[in-house]
């Protein structure tokens, strides 16, 4: 099997998994922002700042305006929420918004 075939198969599996957990309605940038925030959070309810998310390697080529549009959409969809009792620009990832039946497999 050549490398392009392997990449295609991985991409297909990832696409199916994103569909299964309900992330297929998000744009690629929105998914990358959500995944970056999740990777930076240290567990359920952990607070992560927009500056930390913005500096993540997944997002180095994303413009500031596009980043903040993605953040706003993730907030509106409920995947992120503003952190309680914290200063502005801090968020928690709502991983409970992902289908719990699928993530417990």
C-alpha atoms as a PDB file:
ATOM      1  CA  UNK A   1       0.000   0.000   0.000  1.00  0.00           C
ATOM      2  CA  UNK A   2       1.432   3.387  -0.942  1.00  0.00           C
ATOM      3  CA  UNK A   3       1.602   6.378   1.372  1.00  0.00           C
ATOM      4  CA  UNK A   4      -1.222   8.301  -0.307  1.00  0.00           C
ATOM      5  CA  UNK A   5      -3.553   5.341   0.129  1.00  0.00           C
ATOM      6  CA  UNK A   6      -2.633   5.169   3.819  1.00  0.00           C
ATOM      7  CA  UNK A   7      -3.262   8.892   4.249  1.00  0.00           C
ATOM      8  CA  UNK A   8      -6.603   8.562   2.457  1.00  0.00           C
ATOM      9  CA  UNK A   9      -7.676   5.676   4.701  1.00  0.00           C
ATOM     10  CA  UNK A  10      -6.695   7.582   7.848  1.00  0.00           C
ATOM     11  CA  UNK A  11      -8.576  10.651   6.634  1.00  0.00           C
ATOM     12  CA  UNK A  12     -11.659   8.532   5.929  1.00  0.00           C
ATOM     13  CA  UNK A  13     -11.549   6.990   9.426  1.00  0.00           C
ATOM     14  CA  UNK A  14     -11.097  10.406  11.035  1.00  0.00           C
ATOM     15  CA  UNK A  15     -13.991  11.828   9.033  1.00  0.00           C
ATOM     16  CA  UNK A  16     -16.239   8.960  10.134  1.00  0.00           C
ATOM     17  CA  UNK A  17     -15.239   9.373  13.796  1.00  0.00           C
ATOM     18  CA  UNK A  18     -15.892  13.136  13.645  1.00  0.00           C
ATOM     19  CA  UNK A  19     -19.306  12.382  12.159  1.00  0.00           C
ATOM     20  CA  UNK A  20     -20.039   9.761  14.827  1.00  0.00           C
ATOM     21  CA  UNK A  21     -19.310  12.170  17.702  1.00  0.00           C
ATOM     22  CA  UNK A  22     -21.078  15.136  16.108  1.00  0.00           C
ATOM     23  CA  UNK A  23     -18.132  17.274  15.050  1.00  0.00           C
ATOM     24  CA  UNK A  24     -18.852  17.035  11.330  1.00  0.00           C
ATOM     25  CA  UNK A  25     -20.956  20.219  11.420  1.00  0.00           C
ATOM     26  CA  UNK A  26     -17.895  22.252  12.430  1.00  0.00           C
ATOM     27  CA  UNK A  27     -15.412  23.683   9.946  1.00  0.00           C
ATOM     28  CA  UNK A  28     -11.854  22.353   9.903  1.00  0.00           C
ATOM     29  CA  UNK A  29     -10.643  25.457  11.766  1.00  0.00           C
ATOM     30  CA  UNK A  30     -13.405  25.123  14.387  1.00  0.00           C
ATOM     31  CA  UNK A  31     -12.471  21.467  14.946  1.00  0.00           C
ATOM     32  CA  UNK A  32      -8.792  22.416  15.248  1.00  0.00           C
ATOM     33  CA  UNK A  33      -9.589  25.140  17.799  1.00  0.00           C
ATOM     34  CA  UNK A  34     -11.724  22.719  19.830  1.00  0.00           C
ATOM     35  CA  UNK A  35      -9.071  19.991  19.710  1.00  0.00           C
ATOM     36  CA  UNK A  36      -6.329  22.461  20.661  1.00  0.00           C
ATOM     37  CA  UNK A  37      -8.380  23.688  23.632  1.00  0.00           C
ATOM     38  CA  UNK A  38      -9.089  20.109  24.698  1.00  0.00           C
ATOM     39  CA  UNK A  39      -5.420  19.115  24.462  1.00  0.00           C
ATOM     40  CA  UNK A  40      -4.436  22.090  26.641  1.00  0.00           C
ATOM     41  CA  UNK A  41      -7.064  21.519  29.321  1.00  0.00           C
ATOM     42  CA  UNK A  42      -5.916  19.364  32.209  1.00  0.00           C
ATOM     43  CA  UNK A  43      -9.171  17.519  32.777  1.00  0.00           C
ATOM     44  CA  UNK A  44     -12.884  18.137  33.123  1.00  0.00           C
ATOM     45  CA  UNK A  45     -13.630  21.734  34.038  1.00  0.00           C
ATOM     46  CA  UNK A  46     -10.027  22.879  33.545  1.00  0.00           C
ATOM     47  CA  UNK A  47      -9.623  26.474  32.423  1.00  0.00           C
ATOM     48  CA  UNK A  48      -7.669  27.373  29.289  1.00  0.00           C
ATOM     49  CA  UNK A  49      -6.998  30.875  27.956  1.00  0.00           C
ATOM     50  CA  UNK A  50      -7.582  32.067  24.419  1.00  0.00           C
ATOM     51  CA  UNK A  51      -3.872  32.980  24.258  1.00  0.00           C
ATOM     52  CA  UNK A  52      -2.901  29.377  25.063  1.00  0.00           C
ATOM     53  CA  UNK A  53      -5.294  28.044  22.443  1.00  0.00           C
ATOM     54  CA  UNK A  54      -4.129  30.584  19.844  1.00  0.00           C
ATOM     55  CA  UNK A  55      -0.475  29.548  20.380  1.00  0.00           C
ATOM     56  CA  UNK A  56      -1.178  25.834  19.798  1.00  0.00           C
ATOM     57  CA  UNK A  57       0.762  24.325  16.840  1.00  0.00           C
ATOM     58  CA  UNK A  58      -2.491  23.273  15.113  1.00  0.00           C
ATOM     59  CA  UNK A  59      -3.395  26.940  14.761  1.00  0.00           C
ATOM     60  CA  UNK A  60      -0.152  28.602  13.656  1.00  0.00           C
ATOM     61  CA  UNK A  61      -1.435  29.361  10.148  1.00  0.00           C
ATOM     62  CA  UNK A  62      -4.872  30.600  11.277  1.00  0.00           C
ATOM     63  CA  UNK A  63      -5.415  34.360  11.173  1.00  0.00           C
ATOM     64  CA  UNK A  64      -6.526  36.129  14.325  1.00  0.00           C
ATOM     65  CA  UNK A  65      -9.920  37.068  12.852  1.00  0.00           C
ATOM     66  CA  UNK A  66     -10.610  33.478  11.767  1.00  0.00           C
ATOM     67  CA  UNK A  67      -9.531  32.190  15.176  1.00  0.00           C
ATOM     68  CA  UNK A  68     -11.948  34.490  17.004  1.00  0.00           C
ATOM     69  CA  UNK A  69     -14.802  33.630  14.614  1.00  0.00           C
ATOM     70  CA  UNK A  70     -14.188  29.949  15.372  1.00  0.00           C
ATOM     71  CA  UNK A  71     -14.099  30.656  19.122  1.00  0.00           C
ATOM     72  CA  UNK A  72     -17.403  32.548  18.884  1.00  0.00           C
ATOM     73  CA  UNK A  73     -19.051  29.687  16.966  1.00  0.00           C
ATOM     74  CA  UNK A  74     -17.777  27.093  19.466  1.00  0.00           C
ATOM     75  CA  UNK A  75     -19.211  29.222  22.286  1.00  0.00           C
ATOM     76  CA  UNK A  76     -22.546  29.551  20.471  1.00  0.00           C
ATOM     77  CA  UNK A  77     -22.669  25.785  19.803  1.00  0.00           C
ATOM     78  CA  UNK A  78     -21.849  25.027  23.442  1.00  0.00           C
ATOM     79  CA  UNK A  79     -18.544  23.210  22.848  1.00  0.00           C
ATOM     80  CA  UNK A  80     -16.742  25.936  24.825  1.00  0.00           C
ATOM     81  CA  UNK A  81     -18.043  28.096  27.645  1.00  0.00           C
ATOM     82  CA  UNK A  82     -16.616  31.046  29.497  1.00  0.00           C
ATOM     83  CA  UNK A  83     -14.918  29.944  32.710  1.00  0.00           C
ATOM     84  CA  UNK A  84     -16.839  30.704  35.906  1.00  0.00           C
ATOM     85  CA  UNK A  85     -15.151  33.110  38.279  1.00  0.00           C
ATOM     86  CA  UNK A  86     -12.236  33.706  35.942  1.00  0.00           C
ATOM     87  CA  UNK A  87     -11.023  36.727  34.087  1.00  0.00           C
ATOM     88  CA  UNK A  88     -12.087  37.392  30.504  1.00  0.00           C
ATOM     89  CA  UNK A  89     -10.731  35.233  27.699  1.00  0.00           C
ATOM     90  CA  UNK A  90     -10.707  32.007  29.717  1.00  0.00           C
ATOM     91  CA  UNK A  91     -12.760  28.996  28.754  1.00  0.00           C
ATOM     92  CA  UNK A  92     -13.632  25.436  29.642  1.00  0.00           C
ATOM     93  CA  UNK A  93     -14.153  22.679  27.088  1.00  0.00           C
ATOM     94  CA  UNK A  94     -17.582  21.061  27.230  1.00  0.00           C
ATOM     95  CA  UNK A  95     -16.524  17.522  26.318  1.00  0.00           C
ATOM     96  CA  UNK A  96     -19.908  16.366  27.635  1.00  0.00           C
ATOM     97  CA  UNK A  97     -21.366  17.883  24.445  1.00  0.00           C
ATOM     98  CA  UNK A  98     -19.823  14.977  22.544  1.00  0.00           C
ATOM     99  CA  UNK A  99     -22.171  11.973  22.360  1.00  0.00           C
ATOM    100  CA  UNK A 100     -21.369  10.120  25.645  1.00  0.00           C
ATOM    101  CA  UNK A 101     -22.377   6.721  24.243  1.00  0.00           C
ATOM    102  CA  UNK A 102     -19.806   7.026  21.480  1.00  0.00           C
ATOM    103  CA  UNK A 103     -16.956   8.311  23.643  1.00  0.00           C
ATOM    104  CA  UNK A 104     -17.346   5.520  26.227  1.00  0.00           C
ATOM    105  CA  UNK A 105     -16.667   2.727  23.715  1.00  0.00           C
END
